[in-house]
Amino acid sequence: MRLLALLLLLLAAPLAAQLVAPAAEPNPGSLLYRPPAPPPSVIDDPAAAYITAGQDETGYRAWFAAQPWHATYVKAFNDYLTTYGVADVVPTWELLRTATLWKVCGAQPFEVAPSSDWPHVVQTLRYVRDYVVPAIGPVEPVSAYRNPTLNRCAGGAIESAHQDFHAIDLVPLRPIARNQLMEALCAAHLRRGGDYQVGLGFYAFVRFHVDSTRFRKWGVSEAADASPCRVTIASAPKPPPIASANGIVVESTPTPQPTTPAVPAPTVITPVTARPVDPLAPL
């Protein structure tokens, strides 16, 4: 009997090993195994070189969660863009990026502009949607509203259109040579920029500026003759009407008023019912 039991034990050992051994191998289809992700490339995210640490998506989520009222202002701003049909031109959270030198200046990486300035960016986004994106493909904002204090520290012009949220600095999300970028944007600007009172400027590499304050152009320097758009600009026609923050339609872009020092929080907006909010939803 003992001999029979010993024989059965010897026969069972290899079978047990066959049943247990495969468990040591990772199963490519299981939730516990993931192949290493390939490193990101410039082609995957062409805007990465123009965005400082803290102004990326991770930085935005941290800023969003830092103050409970951030959710209220972001939602109100996104709702306004949705009302006037420009919420899908670029992700709303990217329009909250301030200046590239925000950290050097001790400022915030993101900021919601005062609601009185929201109509200005609507006009700029309409032009981006109608003529910039068709010319060069999708774009990403790398700097938009800058309060006057940050604008001065970051080296912005005294009358910078960023201060009243007319201006957006953008980079293309499809690979494109600098000369091709300028050629495409200049053609659109000379054809329809006057209708939208668009200012078009080019910076280093493929970063460029679009605003809706008045019809003009410039290159790396502020001089008009430094612009690659060589054709003389004619007198600008009347721009299309835009909607003010209170829903009243105005017939032309308001004359910029003297700015006041920045305040810690934007213009007071009626709070919405508190609820968990995904900082990137529904954008």
C-alpha atoms as a PDB file:
ATOM      1  CA  MET A   1       0.000   0.000   0.000  1.00  0.00           C
ATOM      2  CA  ARG A   2       2.833   2.389   0.936  1.00  0.00           C
ATOM      3  CA  LEU A   3       4.580   1.560  -2.343  1.00  0.00           C
ATOM      4  CA  LEU A   4       1.414   2.385  -4.309  1.00  0.00           C
ATOM      5  CA  ALA A   5       0.960   5.712  -2.486  1.00  0.00           C
ATOM      6  CA  LEU A   6       4.581   6.665  -3.139  1.00  0.00           C
ATOM      7  CA  LEU A   7       4.172   5.839  -6.838  1.00  0.00           C
ATOM      8  CA  LEU A   8       1.029   7.998  -7.096  1.00  0.00           C
ATOM      9  CA  LEU A   9       2.836  10.918  -5.382  1.00  0.00           C
ATOM     10  CA  LEU A  10       5.717  10.750  -7.850  1.00  0.00           C
ATOM     11  CA  LEU A  11       3.312  10.775 -10.793  1.00  0.00           C
ATOM     12  CA  ALA A  12       1.309  13.741  -9.429  1.00  0.00           C
ATOM     13  CA  ALA A  13       4.337  16.017  -8.853  1.00  0.00           C
ATOM     14  CA  PRO A  14       5.068  16.771 -12.565  1.00  0.00           C
ATOM     15  CA  LEU A  15       1.356  17.379 -13.213  1.00  0.00           C
ATOM     16  CA  ALA A  16       1.164  19.876 -10.332  1.00  0.00           C
ATOM     17  CA  ALA A  17       4.228  21.660 -11.648  1.00  0.00           C
ATOM     18  CA  GLN A  18       2.590  21.931 -15.071  1.00  0.00           C
ATOM     19  CA  LEU A  19      -0.513  23.498 -13.537  1.00  0.00           C
ATOM     20  CA  VAL A  20       1.334  26.044 -11.352  1.00  0.00           C
ATOM     21  CA  ALA A  21       4.264  27.035 -13.554  1.00  0.00           C
ATOM     22  CA  PRO A  22       2.344  29.041 -16.189  1.00  0.00           C
ATOM     23  CA  ALA A  23       0.998  31.369 -13.480  1.00  0.00           C
ATOM     24  CA  ALA A  24       4.482  32.805 -13.114  1.00  0.00           C
ATOM     25  CA  GLU A  25       4.398  34.140 -16.668  1.00  0.00           C
ATOM     26  CA  PRO A  26       2.696  37.542 -17.195  1.00  0.00           C
ATOM     27  CA  ASN A  27      -0.506  37.333 -19.171  1.00  0.00           C
ATOM     28  CA  PRO A  28      -0.515  40.008 -21.888  1.00  0.00           C
ATOM     29  CA  GLY A  29      -4.296  40.162 -21.699  1.00  0.00           C
ATOM     30  CA  SER A  30      -4.556  40.615 -17.946  1.00  0.00           C
ATOM     31  CA  LEU A  31      -5.068  43.870 -16.077  1.00  0.00           C
ATOM     32  CA  LEU A  32      -1.760  43.389 -14.287  1.00  0.00           C
ATOM     33  CA  TYR A  33       0.420  43.460 -17.362  1.00  0.00           C
ATOM     34  CA  ARG A  34       1.038  46.440 -19.584  1.00  0.00           C
ATOM     35  CA  PRO A  35       3.892  46.768 -22.067  1.00  0.00           C
ATOM     36  CA  PRO A  36       6.011  49.900 -21.514  1.00  0.00           C
ATOM     37  CA  ALA A  37       4.615  52.965 -23.256  1.00  0.00           C
ATOM     38  CA  PRO A  38       6.766  54.413 -26.041  1.00  0.00           C
ATOM     39  CA  PRO A  39       8.441  57.724 -25.150  1.00  0.00           C
ATOM     40  CA  PRO A  40       6.571  60.825 -26.364  1.00  0.00           C
ATOM     41  CA  SER A  41       7.891  62.526 -29.475  1.00  0.00           C
ATOM     42  CA  VAL A  42       7.700  66.039 -30.868  1.00  0.00           C
ATOM     43  CA  ILE A  43       5.391  64.790 -33.608  1.00  0.00           C
ATOM     44  CA  ASP A  44       3.012  63.353 -30.981  1.00  0.00           C
ATOM     45  CA  ASP A  45       2.776  66.711 -29.202  1.00  0.00           C
ATOM     46  CA  PRO A  46       4.274  69.591 -31.208  1.00  0.00           C
ATOM     47  CA  ALA A  47       3.089  72.121 -28.605  1.00  0.00           C
ATOM     48  CA  ALA A  48       5.092  70.533 -25.772  1.00  0.00           C
ATOM     49  CA  ALA A  49       8.189  72.636 -26.451  1.00  0.00           C
ATOM     50  CA  TYR A  50       6.137  75.824 -25.964  1.00  0.00           C
ATOM     51  CA  ILE A  51       4.486  74.852 -22.669  1.00  0.00           C
ATOM     52  CA  THR A  52       6.259  75.217 -19.343  1.00  0.00           C
ATOM     53  CA  ALA A  53       5.928  72.705 -16.524  1.00  0.00           C
ATOM     54  CA  GLY A  54       2.835  73.615 -14.547  1.00  0.00           C
ATOM     55  CA  GLN A  55       0.864  74.801 -17.581  1.00  0.00           C
ATOM     56  CA  ASP A  56       0.250  71.302 -18.905  1.00  0.00           C
ATOM     57  CA  GLU A  57      -2.828  69.189 -18.156  1.00  0.00           C
ATOM     58  CA  THR A  58      -1.387  67.961 -14.861  1.00  0.00           C
ATOM     59  CA  GLY A  59      -0.688  71.536 -13.794  1.00  0.00           C
ATOM     60  CA  TYR A  60      -4.203  72.570 -14.779  1.00  0.00           C
ATOM     61  CA  ARG A  61      -5.789  69.840 -12.676  1.00  0.00           C
ATOM     62  CA  ALA A  62      -3.706  70.950  -9.688  1.00  0.00           C
ATOM     63  CA  TRP A  63      -4.696  74.601 -10.199  1.00  0.00           C
ATOM     64  CA  PHE A  64      -8.357  73.628 -10.637  1.00  0.00           C
ATOM     65  CA  ALA A  65      -8.374  71.753  -7.337  1.00  0.00           C
ATOM     66  CA  ALA A  66      -6.432  74.412  -5.411  1.00  0.00           C
ATOM     67  CA  GLN A  67      -9.453  76.692  -4.806  1.00  0.00           C
ATOM     68  CA  PRO A  68     -13.116  75.612  -4.651  1.00  0.00           C
ATOM     69  CA  TRP A  69     -14.262  78.684  -6.614  1.00  0.00           C
ATOM     70  CA  HIS A  70     -12.100  77.800  -9.631  1.00  0.00           C
ATOM     71  CA  ALA A  71     -14.737  75.271 -10.724  1.00  0.00           C
ATOM     72  CA  THR A  72     -17.461  77.938 -10.638  1.00  0.00           C
ATOM     73  CA  TYR A  73     -15.547  80.383 -12.826  1.00  0.00           C
ATOM     74  CA  VAL A  74     -14.330  77.766 -15.292  1.00  0.00           C
ATOM     75  CA  LYS A  75     -17.853  76.425 -15.735  1.00  0.00           C
ATOM     76  CA  ALA A  76     -19.302  79.915 -16.224  1.00  0.00           C
ATOM     77  CA  PHE A  77     -16.655  80.728 -18.832  1.00  0.00           C
ATOM     78  CA  ASN A  78     -17.193  77.453 -20.679  1.00  0.00           C
ATOM     79  CA  ASP A  79     -20.968  77.984 -20.652  1.00  0.00           C
ATOM     80  CA  TYR A  80     -20.478  81.443 -22.161  1.00  0.00           C
ATOM     81  CA  LEU A  81     -18.298  80.071 -24.977  1.00  0.00           C
ATOM     82  CA  THR A  82     -20.895  77.369 -25.602  1.00  0.00           C
ATOM     83  CA  THR A  83     -23.677  79.950 -25.815  1.00  0.00           C
ATOM     84  CA  TYR A  84     -21.824  81.843 -28.553  1.00  0.00           C
ATOM     85  CA  GLY A  85     -20.730  78.766 -30.483  1.00  0.00           C
ATOM     86  CA  VAL A  86     -16.970  78.772 -29.917  1.00  0.00           C
ATOM     87  CA  ALA A  87     -16.490  76.245 -27.093  1.00  0.00           C
ATOM     88  CA  ASP A  88     -15.215  73.593 -29.502  1.00  0.00           C
ATOM     89  CA  VAL A  89     -12.542  75.662 -31.282  1.00  0.00           C
ATOM     90  CA  VAL A  90      -9.893  74.739 -28.692  1.00  0.00           C
ATOM     91  CA  PRO A  91     -10.207  73.080 -25.255  1.00  0.00           C
ATOM     92  CA  THR A  92     -11.457  75.725 -22.836  1.00  0.00           C
ATOM     93  CA  TRP A  93      -8.864  74.962 -20.182  1.00  0.00           C
ATOM     94  CA  GLU A  94      -6.054  75.837 -22.618  1.00  0.00           C
ATOM     95  CA  LEU A  95      -7.525  79.351 -22.932  1.00  0.00           C
ATOM     96  CA  LEU A  96      -6.788  79.840 -19.227  1.00  0.00           C
ATOM     97  CA  ARG A  97      -3.003  79.703 -19.717  1.00  0.00           C
ATOM     98  CA  THR A  98      -1.425  82.989 -18.686  1.00  0.00           C
ATOM     99  CA  ALA A  99       2.177  83.851 -19.630  1.00  0.00           C
ATOM    100  CA  THR A 100       5.070  81.526 -20.359  1.00  0.00           C
ATOM    101  CA  LEU A 101       7.069  83.377 -17.656  1.00  0.00           C
ATOM    102  CA  TRP A 102       4.336  82.994 -15.033  1.00  0.00           C
ATOM    103  CA  LYS A 103       6.629  81.186 -12.599  1.00  0.00           C
ATOM    104  CA  VAL A 104       9.439  83.754 -12.876  1.00  0.00           C
ATOM    105  CA  CYS A 105       6.859  86.476 -12.211  1.00  0.00           C
ATOM    106  CA  GLY A 106       5.371  84.695  -9.201  1.00  0.00           C
ATOM    107  CA  ALA A 107       1.983  84.518 -10.929  1.00  0.00           C
ATOM    108  CA  GLN A 108      -0.606  81.836 -11.529  1.00  0.00           C
ATOM    109  CA  PRO A 109      -0.219  79.420 -14.480  1.00  0.00           C
ATOM    110  CA  PHE A 110      -3.966  79.691 -15.215  1.00  0.00           C
ATOM    111  CA  GLU A 111      -6.487  82.483 -14.716  1.00  0.00           C
ATOM    112  CA  VAL A 112     -10.087  83.131 -15.733  1.00  0.00           C
ATOM    113  CA  ALA A 113     -10.366  86.594 -17.279  1.00  0.00           C
ATOM    114  CA  PRO A 114     -12.969  89.054 -15.940  1.00  0.00           C
ATOM    115  CA  SER A 115     -16.340  88.266 -17.496  1.00  0.00           C
ATOM    116  CA  SER A 116     -16.505  91.748 -19.049  1.00  0.00           C
ATOM    117  CA  ASP A 117     -13.643  90.687 -21.350  1.00  0.00           C
ATOM    118  CA  TRP A 118     -15.169  87.402 -22.530  1.00  0.00           C
ATOM    119  CA  PRO A 119     -16.760  88.928 -25.678  1.00  0.00           C
ATOM    120  CA  HIS A 120     -13.270  89.847 -26.907  1.00  0.00           C
ATOM    121  CA  VAL A 121     -11.999  86.284 -27.011  1.00  0.00           C
ATOM    122  CA  VAL A 122     -15.230  85.153 -28.686  1.00  0.00           C
ATOM    123  CA  GLN A 123     -14.411  87.397 -31.648  1.00  0.00           C
ATOM    124  CA  THR A 124     -10.830  86.080 -31.789  1.00  0.00           C
ATOM    125  CA  LEU A 125     -11.978  82.464 -31.584  1.00  0.00           C
ATOM    126  CA  ARG A 126     -14.389  83.009 -34.465  1.00  0.00           C
ATOM    127  CA  TYR A 127     -11.501  84.037 -36.672  1.00  0.00           C
ATOM    128  CA  VAL A 128      -9.359  81.119 -35.463  1.00  0.00           C
ATOM    129  CA  ARG A 129     -12.211  78.735 -36.239  1.00  0.00           C
ATOM    130  CA  ASP A 130     -13.098  80.209 -39.641  1.00  0.00           C
ATOM    131  CA  TYR A 131      -9.664  81.015 -41.103  1.00  0.00           C
ATOM    132  CA  VAL A 132      -6.712  79.838 -38.978  1.00  0.00           C
ATOM    133  CA  VAL A 133      -7.720  76.185 -38.512  1.00  0.00           C
ATOM    134  CA  PRO A 134      -8.782  75.738 -42.169  1.00  0.00           C
ATOM    135  CA  ALA A 135      -5.397  77.158 -43.227  1.00  0.00           C
ATOM    136  CA  ILE A 136      -2.998  75.210 -40.976  1.00  0.00           C
ATOM    137  CA  GLY A 137      -5.041  72.629 -39.072  1.00  0.00           C
ATOM    138  CA  PRO A 138      -5.751  72.407 -35.324  1.00  0.00           C
ATOM    139  CA  VAL A 139      -3.908  74.731 -32.971  1.00  0.00           C
ATOM    140  CA  GLU A 140      -3.182  74.925 -29.244  1.00  0.00           C
ATOM    141  CA  PRO A 141      -3.238  78.107 -27.123  1.00  0.00           C
ATOM    142  CA  VAL A 142      -0.049  78.633 -25.119  1.00  0.00           C
ATOM    143  CA  SER A 143      -0.894  82.071 -23.681  1.00  0.00           C
ATOM    144  CA  ALA A 144      -4.142  84.034 -23.551  1.00  0.00           C
ATOM    145  CA  TYR A 145      -5.317  86.376 -20.779  1.00  0.00           C
ATOM    146  CA  ARG A 146      -2.613  88.163 -18.763  1.00  0.00           C
ATOM    147  CA  ASN A 147      -3.514  90.578 -16.027  1.00  0.00           C
ATOM    148  CA  PRO A 148      -1.625  93.901 -16.278  1.00  0.00           C
ATOM    149  CA  THR A 149       0.836  93.037 -13.494  1.00  0.00           C
ATOM    150  CA  LEU A 150       1.831  89.753 -15.099  1.00  0.00           C
ATOM    151  CA  ASN A 151       1.930  91.308 -18.560  1.00  0.00           C
ATOM    152  CA  ARG A 152       4.460  93.937 -17.410  1.00  0.00           C
ATOM    153  CA  CYS A 153       6.637  91.358 -15.667  1.00  0.00           C
ATOM    154  CA  ALA A 154       6.543  89.022 -18.681  1.00  0.00           C
ATOM    155  CA  GLY A 155       7.742  91.800 -21.009  1.00  0.00           C
ATOM    156  CA  GLY A 156       4.438  92.314 -22.817  1.00  0.00           C
ATOM    157  CA  ALA A 157       3.691  95.534 -24.669  1.00  0.00           C
ATOM    158  CA  ILE A 158       2.124  98.338 -22.628  1.00  0.00           C
ATOM    159  CA  GLU A 159      -1.055  98.114 -24.706  1.00  0.00           C
ATOM    160  CA  SER A 160      -0.906  94.335 -25.118  1.00  0.00           C
ATOM    161  CA  ALA A 161      -4.168  92.830 -26.332  1.00  0.00           C
ATOM    162  CA  HIS A 162      -3.609  89.963 -23.875  1.00  0.00           C
ATOM    163  CA  GLN A 163      -4.612  92.274 -21.022  1.00  0.00           C
ATOM    164  CA  ASP A 164      -8.237  92.489 -22.126  1.00  0.00           C
ATOM    165  CA  PHE A 165      -8.442  88.935 -23.509  1.00  0.00           C
ATOM    166  CA  HIS A 166      -8.443  89.898 -27.176  1.00  0.00           C
ATOM    167  CA  ALA A 167      -5.230  87.952 -27.870  1.00  0.00           C
ATOM    168  CA  ILE A 168      -4.213  84.304 -28.025  1.00  0.00           C
ATOM    169  CA  ASP A 169      -0.720  82.982 -28.731  1.00  0.00           C
ATOM    170  CA  LEU A 170      -0.987  79.703 -30.642  1.00  0.00           C
ATOM    171  CA  VAL A 171       1.118  76.886 -32.049  1.00  0.00           C
ATOM    172  CA  PRO A 172       0.045  74.420 -34.770  1.00  0.00           C
ATOM    173  CA  LEU A 173      -0.552  70.796 -33.819  1.00  0.00           C
ATOM    174  CA  ARG A 174       0.457  69.449 -37.228  1.00  0.00           C
ATOM    175  CA  PRO A 175       4.092  69.558 -38.359  1.00  0.00           C
ATOM    176  CA  ILE A 176       4.600  72.600 -40.587  1.00  0.00           C
ATOM    177  CA  ALA A 177       7.623  74.619 -41.687  1.00  0.00           C
ATOM    178  CA  ARG A 178       7.804  78.212 -40.478  1.00  0.00           C
ATOM    179  CA  ASN A 179       7.681  79.676 -43.992  1.00  0.00           C
ATOM    180  CA  GLN A 180       4.619  77.550 -44.843  1.00  0.00           C
ATOM    181  CA  LEU A 181       2.928  78.654 -41.628  1.00  0.00           C
ATOM    182  CA  MET A 182       3.501  82.322 -42.398  1.00  0.00           C
ATOM    183  CA  GLU A 183       2.418  81.993 -46.011  1.00  0.00           C
ATOM    184  CA  ALA A 184      -0.874  80.311 -45.067  1.00  0.00           C
ATOM    185  CA  LEU A 185      -1.714  82.700 -42.227  1.00  0.00           C
ATOM    186  CA  CYS A 186      -0.745  85.816 -44.181  1.00  0.00           C
ATOM    187  CA  ALA A 187      -3.002  84.796 -47.058  1.00  0.00           C
ATOM    188  CA  ALA A 188      -5.961  84.372 -44.695  1.00  0.00           C
ATOM    189  CA  HIS A 189      -5.166  87.611 -42.868  1.00  0.00           C
ATOM    190  CA  LEU A 190      -4.948  89.703 -46.025  1.00  0.00           C
ATOM    191  CA  ARG A 191      -8.152  88.181 -47.361  1.00  0.00           C
ATOM    192  CA  ARG A 192     -10.415  88.319 -44.286  1.00  0.00           C
ATOM    193  CA  GLY A 193      -8.480  89.758 -41.337  1.00  0.00           C
ATOM    194  CA  GLY A 194     -10.002  93.177 -41.851  1.00  0.00           C
ATOM    195  CA  ASP A 195     -13.516  91.835 -41.416  1.00  0.00           C
ATOM    196  CA  TYR A 196     -12.610  90.596 -37.931  1.00  0.00           C
ATOM    197  CA  GLN A 197     -10.198  93.454 -37.032  1.00  0.00           C
ATOM    198  CA  VAL A 198      -7.439  90.875 -36.660  1.00  0.00           C
ATOM    199  CA  GLY A 199      -3.887  91.545 -35.563  1.00  0.00           C
ATOM    200  CA  LEU A 200      -1.443  88.865 -36.710  1.00  0.00           C
ATOM    201  CA  GLY A 201       2.069  88.545 -35.310  1.00  0.00           C
ATOM    202  CA  PHE A 202       4.829  85.953 -35.645  1.00  0.00           C
ATOM    203  CA  TYR A 203       7.310  84.982 -32.956  1.00  0.00           C
ATOM    204  CA  ALA A 204      10.216  82.520 -32.997  1.00  0.00           C
ATOM    205  CA  PHE A 205       9.749  79.165 -34.688  1.00  0.00           C
ATOM    206  CA  VAL A 206       6.018  78.448 -35.182  1.00  0.00           C
ATOM    207  CA  ARG A 207       4.470  80.405 -32.313  1.00  0.00           C
ATOM    208  CA  PHE A 208       2.141  83.147 -33.519  1.00  0.00           C
ATOM    209  CA  HIS A 209      -0.316  85.708 -32.146  1.00  0.00           C
ATOM    210  CA  VAL A 210      -3.913  86.448 -33.145  1.00  0.00           C
ATOM    211  CA  ASP A 211      -6.099  89.169 -31.643  1.00  0.00           C
ATOM    212  CA  SER A 212      -9.231  91.078 -32.585  1.00  0.00           C
ATOM    213  CA  THR A 213      -8.431  94.663 -31.583  1.00  0.00           C
ATOM    214  CA  ARG A 214      -7.579  96.197 -34.976  1.00  0.00           C
ATOM    215  CA  PHE A 215      -6.342  95.162 -38.431  1.00  0.00           C
ATOM    216  CA  ARG A 216      -2.536  95.061 -38.356  1.00  0.00           C
ATOM    217  CA  LYS A 217       0.489  92.787 -38.678  1.00  0.00           C
ATOM    218  CA  TRP A 218       4.029  92.421 -37.357  1.00  0.00           C
ATOM    219  CA  GLY A 219       6.939  90.027 -37.259  1.00  0.00           C
ATOM    220  CA  VAL A 220       9.428  89.067 -34.552  1.00  0.00           C
ATOM    221  CA  SER A 221       9.838  92.795 -33.861  1.00  0.00           C
ATOM    222  CA  GLU A 222       6.883  95.123 -33.326  1.00  0.00           C
ATOM    223  CA  ALA A 223       7.546  97.086 -36.524  1.00  0.00           C
ATOM    224  CA  ALA A 224       4.846  96.638 -39.160  1.00  0.00           C
ATOM    225  CA  ASP A 225       7.435  96.334 -41.927  1.00  0.00           C
ATOM    226  CA  ALA A 226       8.972  93.351 -40.085  1.00  0.00           C
ATOM    227  CA  SER A 227       5.929  91.251 -40.891  1.00  0.00           C
ATOM    228  CA  PRO A 228       6.264  88.577 -43.582  1.00  0.00           C
ATOM    229  CA  CYS A 229       2.822  89.683 -44.808  1.00  0.00           C
ATOM    230  CA  ARG A 230       4.213  92.216 -47.284  1.00  0.00           C
ATOM    231  CA  VAL A 231       1.045  93.484 -48.932  1.00  0.00           C
ATOM    232  CA  THR A 232      -0.075  96.902 -47.671  1.00  0.00           C
ATOM    233  CA  ILE A 233      -3.139  96.705 -45.466  1.00  0.00           C
ATOM    234  CA  ALA A 234      -6.104  98.726 -46.714  1.00  0.00           C
ATOM    235  CA  SER A 235      -8.623 100.480 -44.508  1.00  0.00           C
ATOM    236  CA  ALA A 236     -10.537  97.912 -42.513  1.00  0.00           C
ATOM    237  CA  PRO A 237     -14.266  97.325 -43.017  1.00  0.00           C
ATOM    238  CA  LYS A 238     -16.653  97.270 -40.101  1.00  0.00           C
ATOM    239  CA  PRO A 239     -16.231  94.079 -38.016  1.00  0.00           C
ATOM    240  CA  PRO A 240     -19.149  91.698 -37.449  1.00  0.00           C
ATOM    241  CA  PRO A 241     -21.133  92.241 -34.229  1.00  0.00           C
ATOM    242  CA  ILE A 242     -20.134  90.392 -31.084  1.00  0.00           C
ATOM    243  CA  ALA A 243     -22.080  89.480 -27.982  1.00  0.00           C
ATOM    244  CA  SER A 244     -21.316  91.218 -24.710  1.00  0.00           C
ATOM    245  CA  ALA A 245     -21.113  89.316 -21.453  1.00  0.00           C
ATOM    246  CA  ASN A 246     -24.689  90.252 -20.586  1.00  0.00           C
ATOM    247  CA  GLY A 247     -25.999  88.973 -23.919  1.00  0.00           C
ATOM    248  CA  ILE A 248     -26.458  92.397 -25.571  1.00  0.00           C
ATOM    249  CA  VAL A 249     -25.119  92.566 -29.122  1.00  0.00           C
ATOM    250  CA  VAL A 250     -22.740  95.434 -29.818  1.00  0.00           C
ATOM    251  CA  GLU A 251     -21.997  96.573 -33.362  1.00  0.00           C
ATOM    252  CA  SER A 252     -18.252  96.996 -33.113  1.00  0.00           C
ATOM    253  CA  THR A 253     -15.338  96.098 -30.906  1.00  0.00           C
ATOM    254  CA  PRO A 254     -15.338  98.429 -27.861  1.00  0.00           C
ATOM    255  CA  THR A 255     -12.461 100.882 -27.501  1.00  0.00           C
ATOM    256  CA  PRO A 256     -10.048  99.412 -24.920  1.00  0.00           C
ATOM    257  CA  GLN A 257     -10.376 101.219 -21.591  1.00  0.00           C
ATOM    258  CA  PRO A 258      -7.533 101.834 -19.122  1.00  0.00           C
ATOM    259  CA  THR A 259      -6.932  98.679 -17.175  1.00  0.00           C
ATOM    260  CA  THR A 260      -7.007  98.489 -13.393  1.00  0.00           C
ATOM    261  CA  PRO A 261      -4.642  96.490 -11.184  1.00  0.00           C
ATOM    262  CA  ALA A 262      -5.392  92.804 -11.007  1.00  0.00           C
ATOM    263  CA  VAL A 263      -7.517  91.530  -8.157  1.00  0.00           C
ATOM    264  CA  PRO A 264      -7.191  88.119  -6.510  1.00  0.00           C
ATOM    265  CA  ALA A 265     -10.456  86.815  -7.991  1.00  0.00           C
ATOM    266  CA  PRO A 266     -12.384  87.542 -11.212  1.00  0.00           C
ATOM    267  CA  THR A 267     -15.648  89.454 -11.398  1.00  0.00           C
ATOM    268  CA  VAL A 268     -18.274  87.970  -9.090  1.00  0.00           C
ATOM    269  CA  ILE A 269     -20.462  85.408 -10.797  1.00  0.00           C
ATOM    270  CA  THR A 270     -23.564  83.801  -9.334  1.00  0.00           C
ATOM    271  CA  PRO A 271     -22.402  80.460  -7.877  1.00  0.00           C
ATOM    272  CA  VAL A 272     -23.729  77.246  -9.315  1.00  0.00           C
ATOM    273  CA  THR A 273     -24.887  74.253  -7.307  1.00  0.00           C
ATOM    274  CA  ALA A 274     -21.836  72.551  -5.871  1.00  0.00           C
ATOM    275  CA  ARG A 275     -21.149  69.147  -7.335  1.00  0.00           C
ATOM    276  CA  PRO A 276     -18.111  67.071  -8.284  1.00  0.00           C
ATOM    277  CA  VAL A 277     -16.662  68.448 -11.505  1.00  0.00           C
ATOM    278  CA  ASP A 278     -14.175  66.915 -13.888  1.00  0.00           C
ATOM    279  CA  PRO A 279     -11.895  69.859 -14.730  1.00  0.00           C
ATOM    280  CA  LEU A 280     -11.627  68.726 -18.350  1.00  0.00           C
ATOM    281  CA  ALA A 281     -15.265  67.790 -18.925  1.00  0.00           C
ATOM    282  CA  PRO A 282     -17.046  68.309 -21.259  1.00  0.00           C
ATOM    283  CA  LEU A 283     -14.232  69.881 -23.228  1.00  0.00           C
END
